[in-house]
Amino acid sequence: MNTLSQPSTSAFQFDDSQRTRCEVWTRVMGYHRPVSSFNIGKQGEFGERRFFLEERAR
């Protein structure tokens, strides 16, 4: 049996100059768009969305 060891989280310390912006994309009307390109109202609407899973039909 193989055992996996978890790397120490302290080994991954980054300062702000090493970080990059994470772009969030969403599917709108059949195509994908970055959320950053939305107007302020659409960005607010995106933030209020709730994700859910439906149960399987019987």
PDB file of N, CA and C in Angstrom:
ATOM      1  N   MET A   1       0.839  -1.178   0.000  1.00  0.00           N
ATOM      2  CA  MET A   1       0.000   0.000   0.000  1.00  0.00           C
ATOM      3  C   MET A   1       0.888   1.247   0.000  1.00  0.00           C
ATOM      4  N   ASN A   2       0.529   2.210  -0.810  1.00  0.00           N
ATOM      5  CA  ASN A   2       1.280   3.463  -0.869  1.00  0.00           C
ATOM      6  C   ASN A   2       0.664   4.474   0.078  1.00  0.00           C
ATOM      7  N   THR A   3       1.488   5.229   0.728  1.00  0.00           N
ATOM      8  CA  THR A   3       0.984   6.307   1.575  1.00  0.00           C
ATOM      9  C   THR A   3       1.386   7.631   0.956  1.00  0.00           C
ATOM     10  N   LEU A   4       0.472   8.553   0.994  1.00  0.00           N
ATOM     11  CA  LEU A   4       0.738   9.886   0.452  1.00  0.00           C
ATOM     12  C   LEU A   4       0.993  10.841   1.596  1.00  0.00           C
ATOM     13  N   SER A   5       1.999  11.636   1.456  1.00  0.00           N
ATOM     14  CA  SER A   5       2.266  12.641   2.474  1.00  0.00           C
ATOM     15  C   SER A   5       1.829  14.002   1.948  1.00  0.00           C
ATOM     16  N   GLN A   6       1.222  14.772   2.800  1.00  0.00           N
ATOM     17  CA  GLN A   6       0.767  16.109   2.446  1.00  0.00           C
ATOM     18  C   GLN A   6       1.918  17.093   2.619  1.00  0.00           C
ATOM     19  N   PRO A   7       2.155  17.945   1.621  1.00  0.00           N
ATOM     20  CA  PRO A   7       3.205  18.957   1.794  1.00  0.00           C
ATOM     21  C   PRO A   7       2.780  19.981   2.847  1.00  0.00           C
ATOM     22  N   SER A   8       3.734  20.504   3.509  1.00  0.00           N
ATOM     23  CA  SER A   8       3.461  21.518   4.516  1.00  0.00           C
ATOM     24  C   SER A   8       2.936  22.781   3.844  1.00  0.00           C
ATOM     25  N   THR A   9       1.859  23.354   4.396  1.00  0.00           N
ATOM     26  CA  THR A   9       1.305  24.572   3.801  1.00  0.00           C
ATOM     27  C   THR A   9       2.241  25.758   3.991  1.00  0.00           C
ATOM     28  N   SER A  10       3.129  25.684   4.962  1.00  0.00           N
ATOM     29  CA  SER A  10       4.066  26.788   5.166  1.00  0.00           C
ATOM     30  C   SER A  10       5.089  26.864   4.032  1.00  0.00           C
ATOM     31  N   ALA A  11       5.210  25.809   3.238  1.00  0.00           N
ATOM     32  CA  ALA A  11       6.137  25.813   2.110  1.00  0.00           C
ATOM     33  C   ALA A  11       5.618  26.668   0.957  1.00  0.00           C
ATOM     34  N   PHE A  12       4.354  27.049   0.996  1.00  0.00           N
ATOM     35  CA  PHE A  12       3.736  27.803  -0.084  1.00  0.00           C
ATOM     36  C   PHE A  12       3.358  29.211   0.364  1.00  0.00           C
ATOM     37  N   GLN A  13       4.312  29.950   0.827  1.00  0.00           N
ATOM     38  CA  GLN A  13       4.066  31.326   1.238  1.00  0.00           C
ATOM     39  C   GLN A  13       4.402  32.256   0.076  1.00  0.00           C
ATOM     40  N   PHE A  14       3.421  33.032  -0.375  1.00  0.00           N
ATOM     41  CA  PHE A  14       3.626  33.961  -1.477  1.00  0.00           C
ATOM     42  C   PHE A  14       3.342  35.377  -1.005  1.00  0.00           C
ATOM     43  N   ASP A  15       4.112  36.326  -1.515  1.00  0.00           N
ATOM     44  CA  ASP A  15       3.763  37.711  -1.231  1.00  0.00           C
ATOM     45  C   ASP A  15       2.897  38.232  -2.381  1.00  0.00           C
ATOM     46  N   ASP A  16       2.324  39.401  -2.195  1.00  0.00           N
ATOM     47  CA  ASP A  16       1.361  39.930  -3.164  1.00  0.00           C
ATOM     48  C   ASP A  16       1.948  40.143  -4.554  1.00  0.00           C
ATOM     49  N   SER A  17       3.247  40.359  -4.665  1.00  0.00           N
ATOM     50  CA  SER A  17       3.847  40.573  -5.982  1.00  0.00           C
ATOM     51  C   SER A  17       3.882  39.289  -6.813  1.00  0.00           C
ATOM     52  N   GLN A  18       3.737  38.133  -6.181  1.00  0.00           N
ATOM     53  CA  GLN A  18       3.765  36.853  -6.887  1.00  0.00           C
ATOM     54  C   GLN A  18       2.371  36.361  -7.269  1.00  0.00           C
ATOM     55  N   ARG A  19       1.346  37.037  -6.828  1.00  0.00           N
ATOM     56  CA  ARG A  19      -0.021  36.596  -7.097  1.00  0.00           C
ATOM     57  C   ARG A  19      -0.487  37.083  -8.460  1.00  0.00           C
ATOM     58  N   THR A  20      -1.438  36.343  -9.036  1.00  0.00           N
ATOM     59  CA  THR A  20      -2.057  36.753 -10.296  1.00  0.00           C
ATOM     60  C   THR A  20      -3.564  36.781 -10.120  1.00  0.00           C
ATOM     61  N   ARG A  21      -4.218  37.582 -10.937  1.00  0.00           N
ATOM     62  CA  ARG A  21      -5.667  37.719 -10.858  1.00  0.00           C
ATOM     63  C   ARG A  21      -6.331  36.443 -11.368  1.00  0.00           C
ATOM     64  N   CYS A  22      -7.339  35.982 -10.661  1.00  0.00           N
ATOM     65  CA  CYS A  22      -8.101  34.800 -11.059  1.00  0.00           C
ATOM     66  C   CYS A  22      -9.351  35.275 -11.792  1.00  0.00           C
ATOM     67  N   GLU A  23      -9.467  34.926 -13.047  1.00  0.00           N
ATOM     68  CA  GLU A  23     -10.607  35.347 -13.870  1.00  0.00           C
ATOM     69  C   GLU A  23     -11.735  34.333 -13.728  1.00  0.00           C
ATOM     70  N   VAL A  24     -12.927  34.807 -13.381  1.00  0.00           N
ATOM     71  CA  VAL A  24     -14.105  33.949 -13.247  1.00  0.00           C
ATOM     72  C   VAL A  24     -14.934  34.077 -14.510  1.00  0.00           C
ATOM     73  N   TRP A  25     -15.270  32.939 -15.122  1.00  0.00           N
ATOM     74  CA  TRP A  25     -16.085  32.915 -16.334  1.00  0.00           C
ATOM     75  C   TRP A  25     -17.413  32.254 -16.024  1.00  0.00           C
ATOM     76  N   THR A  26     -18.446  32.627 -16.752  1.00  0.00           N
ATOM     77  CA  THR A  26     -19.757  32.015 -16.599  1.00  0.00           C
ATOM     78  C   THR A  26     -20.398  31.850 -17.967  1.00  0.00           C
ATOM     79  N   ARG A  27     -21.358  30.971 -18.036  1.00  0.00           N
ATOM     80  CA  ARG A  27     -22.043  30.709 -19.303  1.00  0.00           C
ATOM     81  C   ARG A  27     -23.277  31.599 -19.373  1.00  0.00           C
ATOM     82  N   VAL A  28     -23.359  32.417 -20.406  1.00  0.00           N
ATOM     83  CA  VAL A  28     -24.481  33.334 -20.595  1.00  0.00           C
ATOM     84  C   VAL A  28     -25.048  33.111 -21.988  1.00  0.00           C
ATOM     85  N   MET A  29     -26.310  32.760 -22.066  1.00  0.00           N
ATOM     86  CA  MET A  29     -27.009  32.611 -23.349  1.00  0.00           C
ATOM     87  C   MET A  29     -26.252  31.719 -24.327  1.00  0.00           C
ATOM     88  N   GLY A  30     -25.686  30.626 -23.834  1.00  0.00           N
ATOM     89  CA  GLY A  30     -25.051  29.651 -24.709  1.00  0.00           C
ATOM     90  C   GLY A  30     -23.578  29.870 -24.993  1.00  0.00           C
ATOM     91  N   TYR A  31     -22.979  30.916 -24.466  1.00  0.00           N
ATOM     92  CA  TYR A  31     -21.540  31.118 -24.664  1.00  0.00           C
ATOM     93  C   TYR A  31     -20.915  31.591 -23.362  1.00  0.00           C
ATOM     94  N   HIS A  32     -19.619  31.496 -23.259  1.00  0.00           N
ATOM     95  CA  HIS A  32     -18.906  31.831 -22.026  1.00  0.00           C
ATOM     96  C   HIS A  32     -18.354  33.255 -22.077  1.00  0.00           C
ATOM     97  N   ARG A  33     -18.477  33.957 -20.942  1.00  0.00           N
ATOM     98  CA  ARG A  33     -17.972  35.332 -20.814  1.00  0.00           C
ATOM     99  C   ARG A  33     -17.312  35.506 -19.459  1.00  0.00           C
ATOM    100  N   PRO A  34     -16.275  36.337 -19.383  1.00  0.00           N
ATOM    101  CA  PRO A  34     -15.693  36.641 -18.072  1.00  0.00           C
ATOM    102  C   PRO A  34     -16.631  37.562 -17.292  1.00  0.00           C
ATOM    103  N   VAL A  35     -16.781  37.292 -16.021  1.00  0.00           N
ATOM    104  CA  VAL A  35     -17.666  38.091 -15.175  1.00  0.00           C
ATOM    105  C   VAL A  35     -17.179  39.538 -15.104  1.00  0.00           C
ATOM    106  N   SER A  36     -15.880  39.756 -15.233  1.00  0.00           N
ATOM    107  CA  SER A  36     -15.339  41.117 -15.155  1.00  0.00           C
ATOM    108  C   SER A  36     -15.830  42.000 -16.299  1.00  0.00           C
ATOM    109  N   SER A  37     -16.326  41.394 -17.394  1.00  0.00           N
ATOM    110  CA  SER A  37     -16.824  42.195 -18.515  1.00  0.00           C
ATOM    111  C   SER A  37     -18.290  42.593 -18.332  1.00  0.00           C
ATOM    112  N   PHE A  38     -18.947  42.087 -17.283  1.00  0.00           N
ATOM    113  CA  PHE A  38     -20.345  42.438 -17.015  1.00  0.00           C
ATOM    114  C   PHE A  38     -20.435  43.876 -16.509  1.00  0.00           C
ATOM    115  N   ASN A  39     -21.586  44.511 -16.743  1.00  0.00           N
ATOM    116  CA  ASN A  39     -21.809  45.820 -16.137  1.00  0.00           C
ATOM    117  C   ASN A  39     -22.078  45.626 -14.645  1.00  0.00           C
ATOM    118  N   ILE A  40     -22.128  46.706 -13.883  1.00  0.00           N
ATOM    119  CA  ILE A  40     -22.216  46.606 -12.420  1.00  0.00           C
ATOM    120  C   ILE A  40     -23.494  45.902 -11.965  1.00  0.00           C
ATOM    121  N   GLY A  41     -24.600  46.100 -12.679  1.00  0.00           N
ATOM    122  CA  GLY A  41     -25.847  45.429 -12.320  1.00  0.00           C
ATOM    123  C   GLY A  41     -25.777  43.931 -12.535  1.00  0.00           C
ATOM    124  N   LYS A  42     -25.205  43.521 -13.642  1.00  0.00           N
ATOM    125  CA  LYS A  42     -25.079  42.095 -13.948  1.00  0.00           C
ATOM    126  C   LYS A  42     -24.091  41.428 -12.992  1.00  0.00           C
ATOM    127  N   GLN A  43     -23.035  42.135 -12.596  1.00  0.00           N
ATOM    128  CA  GLN A  43     -22.097  41.576 -11.622  1.00  0.00           C
ATOM    129  C   GLN A  43     -22.794  41.354 -10.279  1.00  0.00           C
ATOM    130  N   GLY A  44     -23.661  42.294  -9.889  1.00  0.00           N
ATOM    131  CA  GLY A  44     -24.425  42.132  -8.652  1.00  0.00           C
ATOM    132  C   GLY A  44     -25.369  40.951  -8.730  1.00  0.00           C
ATOM    133  N   GLU A  45     -26.019  40.794  -9.878  1.00  0.00           N
ATOM    134  CA  GLU A  45     -26.918  39.660 -10.082  1.00  0.00           C
ATOM    135  C   GLU A  45     -26.143  38.341  -9.999  1.00  0.00           C
ATOM    136  N   PHE A  46     -24.969  38.304 -10.598  1.00  0.00           N
ATOM    137  CA  PHE A  46     -24.140  37.098 -10.553  1.00  0.00           C
ATOM    138  C   PHE A  46     -23.785  36.743  -9.107  1.00  0.00           C
ATOM    139  N   GLY A  47     -23.487  37.746  -8.295  1.00  0.00           N
ATOM    140  CA  GLY A  47     -23.145  37.510  -6.893  1.00  0.00           C
ATOM    141  C   GLY A  47     -24.301  36.986  -6.065  1.00  0.00           C
ATOM    142  N   GLU A  48     -25.534  37.253  -6.490  1.00  0.00           N
ATOM    143  CA  GLU A  48     -26.717  36.800  -5.755  1.00  0.00           C
ATOM    144  C   GLU A  48     -27.213  35.429  -6.191  1.00  0.00           C
ATOM    145  N   ARG A  49     -26.635  34.862  -7.231  1.00  0.00           N
ATOM    146  CA  ARG A  49     -27.099  33.560  -7.729  1.00  0.00           C
ATOM    147  C   ARG A  49     -26.877  32.469  -6.693  1.00  0.00           C
ATOM    148  N   ARG A  50     -27.808  31.520  -6.693  1.00  0.00           N
ATOM    149  CA  ARG A  50     -27.691  30.360  -5.812  1.00  0.00           C
ATOM    150  C   ARG A  50     -27.619  29.115  -6.667  1.00  0.00           C
ATOM    151  N   PHE A  51     -26.693  28.260  -6.354  1.00  0.00           N
ATOM    152  CA  PHE A  51     -26.524  27.023  -7.100  1.00  0.00           C
ATOM    153  C   PHE A  51     -27.190  25.893  -6.325  1.00  0.00           C
ATOM    154  N   PHE A  52     -27.849  25.010  -7.040  1.00  0.00           N
ATOM    155  CA  PHE A  52     -28.570  23.925  -6.392  1.00  0.00           C
ATOM    156  C   PHE A  52     -28.513  22.681  -7.270  1.00  0.00           C
ATOM    157  N   LEU A  53     -28.812  21.557  -6.665  1.00  0.00           N
ATOM    158  CA  LEU A  53     -28.901  20.289  -7.378  1.00  0.00           C
ATOM    159  C   LEU A  53     -30.323  19.772  -7.234  1.00  0.00           C
ATOM    160  N   GLU A  54     -30.916  19.374  -8.329  1.00  0.00           N
ATOM    161  CA  GLU A  54     -32.256  18.809  -8.275  1.00  0.00           C
ATOM    162  C   GLU A  54     -32.174  17.310  -8.068  1.00  0.00           C
ATOM    163  N   GLU A  55     -33.199  16.782  -7.417  1.00  0.00           N
ATOM    164  CA  GLU A  55     -33.255  15.338  -7.234  1.00  0.00           C
ATOM    165  C   GLU A  55     -33.674  14.675  -8.533  1.00  0.00           C
ATOM    166  N   ARG A  56     -33.304  13.441  -8.679  1.00  0.00           N
ATOM    167  CA  ARG A  56     -33.656  12.673  -9.870  1.00  0.00           C
ATOM    168  C   ARG A  56     -35.168  12.445  -9.914  1.00  0.00           C
ATOM    169  N   ALA A  57     -35.772  12.582 -11.090  1.00  0.00           N
ATOM    170  CA  ALA A  57     -37.207  12.349 -11.257  1.00  0.00           C
ATOM    171  C   ALA A  57     -37.514  10.871 -11.057  1.00  0.00           C
ATOM    172  N   ARG A  58     -38.689  10.605 -10.508  1.00  0.00           N
ATOM    173  CA  ARG A  58     -39.075   9.205 -10.269  1.00  0.00           C
ATOM    174  C   ARG A  58     -39.896   8.671 -11.390  1.00  0.00           C
TER     175      ARG A  58
END
